[in-house]
C-alpha atoms as a PDB file:
ATOM      1  CA  MET A   1      66.740  86.984  94.431  1.00  0.00           C
ATOM      2  CA  ALA A   2      65.026  89.777  92.459  1.00  0.00           C
ATOM      3  CA  ALA A   3      67.211  92.268  90.640  1.00  0.00           C
ATOM      4  CA  LYS A   4      67.592  95.600  92.435  1.00  0.00           C
ATOM      5  CA  SER A   5      65.931  98.509  90.655  1.00  0.00           C
ATOM      6  CA  VAL A   6      67.817 101.758  90.132  1.00  0.00           C
ATOM      7  CA  ILE A   7      64.751 103.634  88.842  1.00  0.00           C
ATOM      8  CA  ASN A   8      61.150 102.548  89.247  1.00  0.00           C
ATOM      9  CA  LEU A   9      58.235 104.629  87.934  1.00  0.00           C
ATOM     10  CA  ASN A  10      54.729 103.603  88.958  1.00  0.00           C
ATOM     11  CA  LYS A  11      51.802 105.038  86.940  1.00  0.00           C
ATOM     12  CA  VAL A  12      53.549 108.363  86.335  1.00  0.00           C
ATOM     13  CA  SER A  13      51.654 111.114  84.521  1.00  0.00           C
ATOM     14  CA  LYS A  14      52.753 114.654  83.682  1.00  0.00           C
ATOM     15  CA  LYS A  15      50.112 117.234  82.859  1.00  0.00           C
ATOM     16  CA  TYR A  16      50.689 120.713  81.457  1.00  0.00           C
ATOM     17  CA  GLU A  17      48.038 123.414  81.360  1.00  0.00           C
ATOM     18  CA  MET A  18      48.095 125.825  78.437  1.00  0.00           C
ATOM     19  CA  GLY A  19      45.413 128.406  79.102  1.00  0.00           C
ATOM     20  CA  GLU A  20      42.221 126.401  79.447  1.00  0.00           C
ATOM     21  CA  GLU A  21      43.692 123.417  77.591  1.00  0.00           C
ATOM     22  CA  GLU A  22      45.217 120.403  79.363  1.00  0.00           C
ATOM     23  CA  PHE A  23      47.978 118.384  77.761  1.00  0.00           C
ATOM     24  CA  TYR A  24      49.430 115.119  79.046  1.00  0.00           C
ATOM     25  CA  ALA A  25      53.102 114.662  78.115  1.00  0.00           C
ATOM     26  CA  LEU A  26      53.077 111.307  79.984  1.00  0.00           C
ATOM     27  CA  LYS A  27      50.078 109.105  80.779  1.00  0.00           C
ATOM     28  CA  ASP A  28      50.270 106.391  83.440  1.00  0.00           C
ATOM     29  CA  VAL A  29      53.837 105.340  82.576  1.00  0.00           C
ATOM     30  CA  SER A  30      55.264 102.450  84.602  1.00  0.00           C
ATOM     31  CA  LEU A  31      58.929 101.637  84.002  1.00  0.00           C
ATOM     32  CA  LYS A  32      61.483  99.699  86.039  1.00  0.00           C
ATOM     33  CA  ILE A  33      65.200  99.858  85.239  1.00  0.00           C
ATOM     34  CA  ASN A  34      67.435  97.431  87.101  1.00  0.00           C
ATOM     35  CA  LYS A  35      71.062  97.774  88.125  1.00  0.00           C
ATOM     36  CA  GLY A  36      73.440  97.011  85.242  1.00  0.00           C
ATOM     37  CA  GLU A  37      70.925  97.483  82.426  1.00  0.00           C
ATOM     38  CA  PHE A  38      71.575  99.419  79.190  1.00  0.00           C
ATOM     39  CA  VAL A  39      68.216 100.872  78.125  1.00  0.00           C
ATOM     40  CA  ALA A  40      67.334 103.069  75.152  1.00  0.00           C
ATOM     41  CA  ILE A  41      64.211 105.221  75.333  1.00  0.00           C
ATOM     42  CA  ILE A  42      63.083 106.084  71.821  1.00  0.00           C
ATOM     43  CA  GLY A  43      60.172 107.757  70.096  1.00  0.00           C
ATOM     44  CA  PRO A  44      59.352 110.577  67.683  1.00  0.00           C
ATOM     45  CA  SER A  45      59.407 114.254  68.594  1.00  0.00           C
ATOM     46  CA  GLY A  46      56.559 114.985  71.018  1.00  0.00           C
ATOM     47  CA  SER A  47      56.347 111.397  72.270  1.00  0.00           C
ATOM     48  CA  GLY A  48      57.266 112.332  75.859  1.00  0.00           C
ATOM     49  CA  LYS A  49      60.929 111.234  75.820  1.00  0.00           C
ATOM     50  CA  SER A  50      62.298 114.481  77.251  1.00  0.00           C
ATOM     51  CA  THR A  51      59.604 114.653  79.936  1.00  0.00           C
ATOM     52  CA  LEU A  52      60.351 111.058  80.935  1.00  0.00           C
ATOM     53  CA  MET A  53      64.094 111.800  81.043  1.00  0.00           C
ATOM     54  CA  HIS A  54      63.509 114.841  83.260  1.00  0.00           C
ATOM     55  CA  ILE A  55      61.437 112.787  85.697  1.00  0.00           C
ATOM     56  CA  ILE A  56      63.946 109.891  85.749  1.00  0.00           C
ATOM     57  CA  GLY A  57      66.747 112.437  86.313  1.00  0.00           C
ATOM     58  CA  LEU A  58      64.843 114.226  89.118  1.00  0.00           C
ATOM     59  CA  LEU A  59      64.842 117.419  87.058  1.00  0.00           C
ATOM     60  CA  ASP A  60      61.044 117.540  87.161  1.00  0.00           C
ATOM     61  CA  LYS A  61      58.226 116.085  89.274  1.00  0.00           C
ATOM     62  CA  PRO A  62      55.265 114.062  87.992  1.00  0.00           C
ATOM     63  CA  THR A  63      51.715 115.392  88.294  1.00  0.00           C
ATOM     64  CA  SER A  64      50.710 111.978  89.649  1.00  0.00           C
ATOM     65  CA  GLY A  65      52.309 108.592  90.240  1.00  0.00           C
ATOM     66  CA  GLU A  66      55.379 107.436  92.165  1.00  0.00           C
ATOM     67  CA  VAL A  67      59.123 107.613  91.462  1.00  0.00           C
ATOM     68  CA  PHE A  68      61.654 105.450  93.305  1.00  0.00           C
ATOM     69  CA  LEU A  69      65.442 105.896  93.076  1.00  0.00           C
ATOM     70  CA  GLU A  70      67.481 103.024  94.529  1.00  0.00           C
ATOM     71  CA  GLU A  71      64.131 101.718  95.872  1.00  0.00           C
ATOM     72  CA  LYS A  72      63.521 104.901  97.905  1.00  0.00           C
ATOM     73  CA  GLU A  73      60.510 107.128  97.237  1.00  0.00           C
ATOM     74  CA  VAL A  74      61.735 110.448  95.777  1.00  0.00           C
ATOM     75  CA  HIS A  75      58.802 112.115  93.961  1.00  0.00           C
ATOM     76  CA  ASN A  76      57.617 114.049  97.037  1.00  0.00           C
ATOM     77  CA  LEU A  77      61.025 115.300  98.180  1.00  0.00           C
ATOM     78  CA  SER A  78      61.953 118.992  98.215  1.00  0.00           C
ATOM     79  CA  GLU A  79      63.837 120.431  95.229  1.00  0.00           C
ATOM     80  CA  ILE A  80      66.930 120.951  97.414  1.00  0.00           C
ATOM     81  CA  TYR A  81      66.993 117.301  98.491  1.00  0.00           C
ATOM     82  CA  GLN A  82      66.294 116.123  94.936  1.00  0.00           C
ATOM     83  CA  ALA A  83      69.273 118.212  93.762  1.00  0.00           C
ATOM     84  CA  GLU A  84      71.494 116.474  96.347  1.00  0.00           C
ATOM     85  CA  LEU A  85      70.291 113.056  95.152  1.00  0.00           C
ATOM     86  CA  ARG A  86      70.876 114.047  91.507  1.00  0.00           C
ATOM     87  CA  ASN A  87      74.452 115.042  92.224  1.00  0.00           C
ATOM     88  CA  LYS A  88      75.135 111.844  94.174  1.00  0.00           C
ATOM     89  CA  HIS A  89      73.230 109.222  92.174  1.00  0.00           C
ATOM     90  CA  ILE A  90      72.809 110.429  88.558  1.00  0.00           C
ATOM     91  CA  GLY A  91      75.466 111.261  85.970  1.00  0.00           C
ATOM     92  CA  PHE A  92      74.162 113.331  83.055  1.00  0.00           C
ATOM     93  CA  ILE A  93      75.491 113.353  79.487  1.00  0.00           C
ATOM     94  CA  PHE A  94      73.825 115.880  77.179  1.00  0.00           C
ATOM     95  CA  GLN A  95      73.907 116.554  73.445  1.00  0.00           C
ATOM     96  CA  VAL A  96      75.481 119.929  74.281  1.00  0.00           C
ATOM     97  CA  PHE A  97      78.629 119.153  76.254  1.00  0.00           C
ATOM     98  CA  ASN A  98      78.025 121.883  78.905  1.00  0.00           C
ATOM     99  CA  LEU A  99      81.723 122.326  79.661  1.00  0.00           C
ATOM    100  CA  LEU A 100      83.094 125.541  81.177  1.00  0.00           C
ATOM    101  CA  PRO A 101      85.081 127.078  78.277  1.00  0.00           C
ATOM    102  CA  ARG A 102      87.917 128.692  80.247  1.00  0.00           C
ATOM    103  CA  THR A 103      88.461 125.676  82.476  1.00  0.00           C
ATOM    104  CA  SER A 104      90.699 122.641  81.915  1.00  0.00           C
ATOM    105  CA  ALA A 105      89.340 119.144  81.307  1.00  0.00           C
ATOM    106  CA  LEU A 106      90.504 118.194  84.807  1.00  0.00           C
ATOM    107  CA  GLU A 107      88.699 121.121  86.465  1.00  0.00           C
ATOM    108  CA  ASN A 108      85.518 120.485  84.450  1.00  0.00           C
ATOM    109  CA  VAL A 109      85.441 116.874  85.654  1.00  0.00           C
ATOM    110  CA  GLU A 110      86.098 117.912  89.276  1.00  0.00           C
ATOM    111  CA  MET A 111      83.043 120.203  89.343  1.00  0.00           C
ATOM    112  CA  PRO A 112      80.435 117.770  90.822  1.00  0.00           C
ATOM    113  CA  LEU A 113      82.896 116.883  93.608  1.00  0.00           C
ATOM    114  CA  ILE A 114      83.121 120.537  94.649  1.00  0.00           C
ATOM    115  CA  TYR A 115      79.347 120.509  95.226  1.00  0.00           C
ATOM    116  CA  SER A 116      79.802 117.288  97.225  1.00  0.00           C
ATOM    117  CA  GLY A 117      82.338 118.966  99.518  1.00  0.00           C
ATOM    118  CA  ILE A 118      85.253 116.674  98.549  1.00  0.00           C
ATOM    119  CA  GLY A 119      88.753 118.027  99.345  1.00  0.00           C
ATOM    120  CA  LYS A 120      91.089 119.257  96.587  1.00  0.00           C
ATOM    121  CA  LYS A 121      93.563 116.339  96.654  1.00  0.00           C
ATOM    122  CA  GLU A 122      90.863 113.653  96.427  1.00  0.00           C
ATOM    123  CA  ARG A 123      88.982 115.668  93.763  1.00  0.00           C
ATOM    124  CA  GLU A 124      92.068 115.785  91.585  1.00  0.00           C
ATOM    125  CA  GLU A 125      92.893 112.095  92.027  1.00  0.00           C
ATOM    126  CA  ARG A 126      89.350 111.007  91.162  1.00  0.00           C
ATOM    127  CA  ALA A 127      89.118 113.376  88.179  1.00  0.00           C
ATOM    128  CA  ILE A 128      92.416 112.089  86.757  1.00  0.00           C
ATOM    129  CA  LYS A 129      91.197 108.511  87.112  1.00  0.00           C
ATOM    130  CA  ALA A 130      87.865 109.329  85.412  1.00  0.00           C
ATOM    131  CA  LEU A 131      89.652 111.010  82.492  1.00  0.00           C
ATOM    132  CA  GLU A 132      91.947 107.999  82.162  1.00  0.00           C
ATOM    133  CA  VAL A 133      88.871 105.720  82.021  1.00  0.00           C
ATOM    134  CA  VAL A 134      87.584 107.650  78.968  1.00  0.00           C
ATOM    135  CA  GLY A 135      91.017 107.714  77.289  1.00  0.00           C
ATOM    136  CA  LEU A 136      91.956 111.340  78.005  1.00  0.00           C
ATOM    137  CA  GLY A 137      94.716 110.860  80.556  1.00  0.00           C
ATOM    138  CA  GLU A 138      97.061 112.987  78.414  1.00  0.00           C
ATOM    139  CA  LYS A 139      94.609 115.884  77.988  1.00  0.00           C
ATOM    140  CA  LEU A 140      94.131 116.878  81.641  1.00  0.00           C
ATOM    141  CA  GLN A 141      95.066 120.542  81.195  1.00  0.00           C
ATOM    142  CA  ASN A 142      93.482 121.083  77.781  1.00  0.00           C
ATOM    143  CA  LYS A 143      90.601 123.539  77.633  1.00  0.00           C
ATOM    144  CA  PRO A 144      87.462 122.585  75.618  1.00  0.00           C
ATOM    145  CA  SER A 145      88.566 124.737  72.649  1.00  0.00           C
ATOM    146  CA  GLN A 146      91.706 122.568  72.420  1.00  0.00           C
ATOM    147  CA  LEU A 147      89.669 119.343  72.167  1.00  0.00           C
ATOM    148  CA  SER A 148      87.641 117.789  69.353  1.00  0.00           C
ATOM    149  CA  GLY A 149      83.869 117.331  69.734  1.00  0.00           C
ATOM    150  CA  GLY A 150      84.355 113.665  70.558  1.00  0.00           C
ATOM    151  CA  GLN A 151      86.984 114.488  73.169  1.00  0.00           C
ATOM    152  CA  GLN A 152      84.717 117.130  74.737  1.00  0.00           C
ATOM    153  CA  GLN A 153      81.950 114.544  75.040  1.00  0.00           C
ATOM    154  CA  ARG A 154      84.464 112.180  76.691  1.00  0.00           C
ATOM    155  CA  VAL A 155      85.196 114.910  79.256  1.00  0.00           C
ATOM    156  CA  ALA A 156      81.430 115.184  79.835  1.00  0.00           C
ATOM    157  CA  ILE A 157      81.244 111.394  80.324  1.00  0.00           C
ATOM    158  CA  ALA A 158      84.163 111.497  82.787  1.00  0.00           C
ATOM    159  CA  ARG A 159      82.305 114.229  84.689  1.00  0.00           C
ATOM    160  CA  ALA A 160      79.164 112.034  84.688  1.00  0.00           C
ATOM    161  CA  LEU A 161      81.194 109.145  86.155  1.00  0.00           C
ATOM    162  CA  ILE A 162      83.000 111.125  88.852  1.00  0.00           C
ATOM    163  CA  ASN A 163      80.561 110.449  91.722  1.00  0.00           C
ATOM    164  CA  ASN A 164      80.218 106.725  90.873  1.00  0.00           C
ATOM    165  CA  PRO A 165      76.521 107.313  90.081  1.00  0.00           C
ATOM    166  CA  SER A 166      73.774 104.700  90.301  1.00  0.00           C
ATOM    167  CA  LEU A 167      72.623 105.764  86.826  1.00  0.00           C
ATOM    168  CA  ILE A 168      74.179 107.396  83.759  1.00  0.00           C
ATOM    169  CA  LEU A 169      71.483 109.290  81.847  1.00  0.00           C
ATOM    170  CA  ALA A 170      72.455 110.281  78.287  1.00  0.00           C
ATOM    171  CA  ASP A 171      70.291 112.593  76.162  1.00  0.00           C
ATOM    172  CA  GLU A 172      71.157 112.293  72.425  1.00  0.00           C
ATOM    173  CA  PRO A 173      74.838 111.853  73.415  1.00  0.00           C
ATOM    174  CA  THR A 174      76.071 111.704  69.794  1.00  0.00           C
ATOM    175  CA  GLY A 175      73.762 114.422  68.425  1.00  0.00           C
ATOM    176  CA  ASN A 176      76.533 117.011  67.964  1.00  0.00           C
ATOM    177  CA  LEU A 177      79.198 114.591  66.737  1.00  0.00           C
ATOM    178  CA  ASP A 178      80.350 113.291  63.364  1.00  0.00           C
ATOM    179  CA  SER A 179      79.682 109.601  62.705  1.00  0.00           C
ATOM    180  CA  LYS A 180      83.207 108.420  63.670  1.00  0.00           C
ATOM    181  CA  SER A 181      83.219 110.330  66.987  1.00  0.00           C
ATOM    182  CA  GLY A 182      79.644 109.208  67.632  1.00  0.00           C
ATOM    183  CA  GLU A 183      80.625 105.574  67.143  1.00  0.00           C
ATOM    184  CA  GLU A 184      83.519 105.994  69.590  1.00  0.00           C
ATOM    185  CA  ILE A 185      81.176 107.467  72.239  1.00  0.00           C
ATOM    186  CA  LEU A 186      78.669 104.620  71.785  1.00  0.00           C
ATOM    187  CA  SER A 187      81.476 102.067  72.103  1.00  0.00           C
ATOM    188  CA  LEU A 188      82.607 103.804  75.302  1.00  0.00           C
ATOM    189  CA  LEU A 189      79.065 103.668  76.749  1.00  0.00           C
ATOM    190  CA  ASP A 190      78.887  99.995  75.775  1.00  0.00           C
ATOM    191  CA  ARG A 191      82.155  99.314  77.614  1.00  0.00           C
ATOM    192  CA  LEU A 192      81.022 101.243  80.693  1.00  0.00           C
ATOM    193  CA  ASN A 193      77.835  99.152  80.775  1.00  0.00           C
ATOM    194  CA  LYS A 194      79.823  95.920  80.532  1.00  0.00           C
ATOM    195  CA  GLU A 195      81.848  97.146  83.520  1.00  0.00           C
ATOM    196  CA  GLY A 196      78.613  97.332  85.533  1.00  0.00           C
ATOM    197  CA  ASN A 197      77.280 100.849  84.974  1.00  0.00           C
ATOM    198  CA  THR A 198      73.529 101.323  84.512  1.00  0.00           C
ATOM    199  CA  ILE A 199      72.916 103.414  81.398  1.00  0.00           C
ATOM    200  CA  VAL A 200      69.781 105.001  79.941  1.00  0.00           C
ATOM    201  CA  VAL A 201      70.070 106.665  76.523  1.00  0.00           C
ATOM    202  CA  VAL A 202      67.267 108.907  75.288  1.00  0.00           C
ATOM    203  CA  THR A 203      67.306 109.182  71.486  1.00  0.00           C
ATOM    204  CA  HIS A 204      65.194 109.442  68.346  1.00  0.00           C
ATOM    205  CA  ASP A 205      67.846 107.468  66.410  1.00  0.00           C
ATOM    206  CA  ALA A 206      66.972 103.770  65.965  1.00  0.00           C
ATOM    207  CA  ASP A 207      70.590 102.902  65.071  1.00  0.00           C
ATOM    208  CA  ILE A 208      71.787 104.266  68.422  1.00  0.00           C
ATOM    209  CA  ALA A 209      68.992 102.441  70.235  1.00  0.00           C
ATOM    210  CA  LYS A 210      70.148  99.130  68.751  1.00  0.00           C
ATOM    211  CA  ARG A 211      73.319  99.390  70.853  1.00  0.00           C
ATOM    212  CA  ALA A 212      71.236  99.020  74.029  1.00  0.00           C
ATOM    213  CA  ARG A 213      70.147  95.686  75.543  1.00  0.00           C
ATOM    214  CA  ARG A 214      66.565  96.894  75.930  1.00  0.00           C
ATOM    215  CA  ILE A 215      64.488  99.361  73.919  1.00  0.00           C
ATOM    216  CA  VAL A 216      61.521 101.223  75.397  1.00  0.00           C
ATOM    217  CA  THR A 217      59.380 102.976  72.758  1.00  0.00           C
ATOM    218  CA  LEU A 218      57.173 105.947  73.601  1.00  0.00           C
ATOM    219  CA  LYS A 219      54.309 107.362  71.571  1.00  0.00           C
ATOM    220  CA  ASP A 220      51.899 110.129  72.624  1.00  0.00           C
ATOM    221  CA  GLY A 221      53.100 109.926  76.226  1.00  0.00           C
ATOM    222  CA  GLU A 222      52.653 106.177  76.620  1.00  0.00           C
ATOM    223  CA  ILE A 223      54.975 103.158  76.436  1.00  0.00           C
ATOM    224  CA  VAL A 224      53.913 101.211  73.356  1.00  0.00           C
ATOM    225  CA  SER A 225      56.777  98.703  73.378  1.00  0.00           C
ATOM    226  CA  ASP A 226      59.400  97.419  75.828  1.00  0.00           C
ATOM    227  CA  LYS A 227      61.692  94.796  74.287  1.00  0.00           C
ATOM    228  CA  LYS A 228      64.948  93.168  75.340  1.00  0.00           C
END
């Protein structure tokens, strides 16, 4: 039985027009990521990593080609419907933690569930469980200013996990952390993958990429290498 794909890109291109000039950030990229994989997407600045991440995360649409999420065609859907799919199926972890500063860790993690229309009691129960998973069960009421950088990123990871997403998409997740905190976050992602979560990390750092089970290398908008 063939492995089920979480994300499948078929000949995806992204073209930008700058005045009379045309620029391709991605050129005919085909990429399949199966359930349970831990994939690193690497490449130098300007290689197309961010564009690819935005298309995988349904934050942007390709100029041409097809995008499938959970084996359903999604590239032609309206922005409103794509936003609903993003909230339900994709957990984002960014370099900047994007936490609400005046809000507790618990309330920050609950946020995606509010958009999903989940009731207060269930929201709280699920948020507590997610924070316990990332080792912050004793920091539920702490605001971001009362947490270290590594702890803030753990809150962001708990928030990414809260809807049991099909895919966790991490963009330079250790970029704002010291080496010790960064190592702890990578170990946490490794553990989450071993527990069955599908993880894609976008990074320029080869040492981070080595933690993945598969490395996809981009250059000038094209995949030049895809190695297990």
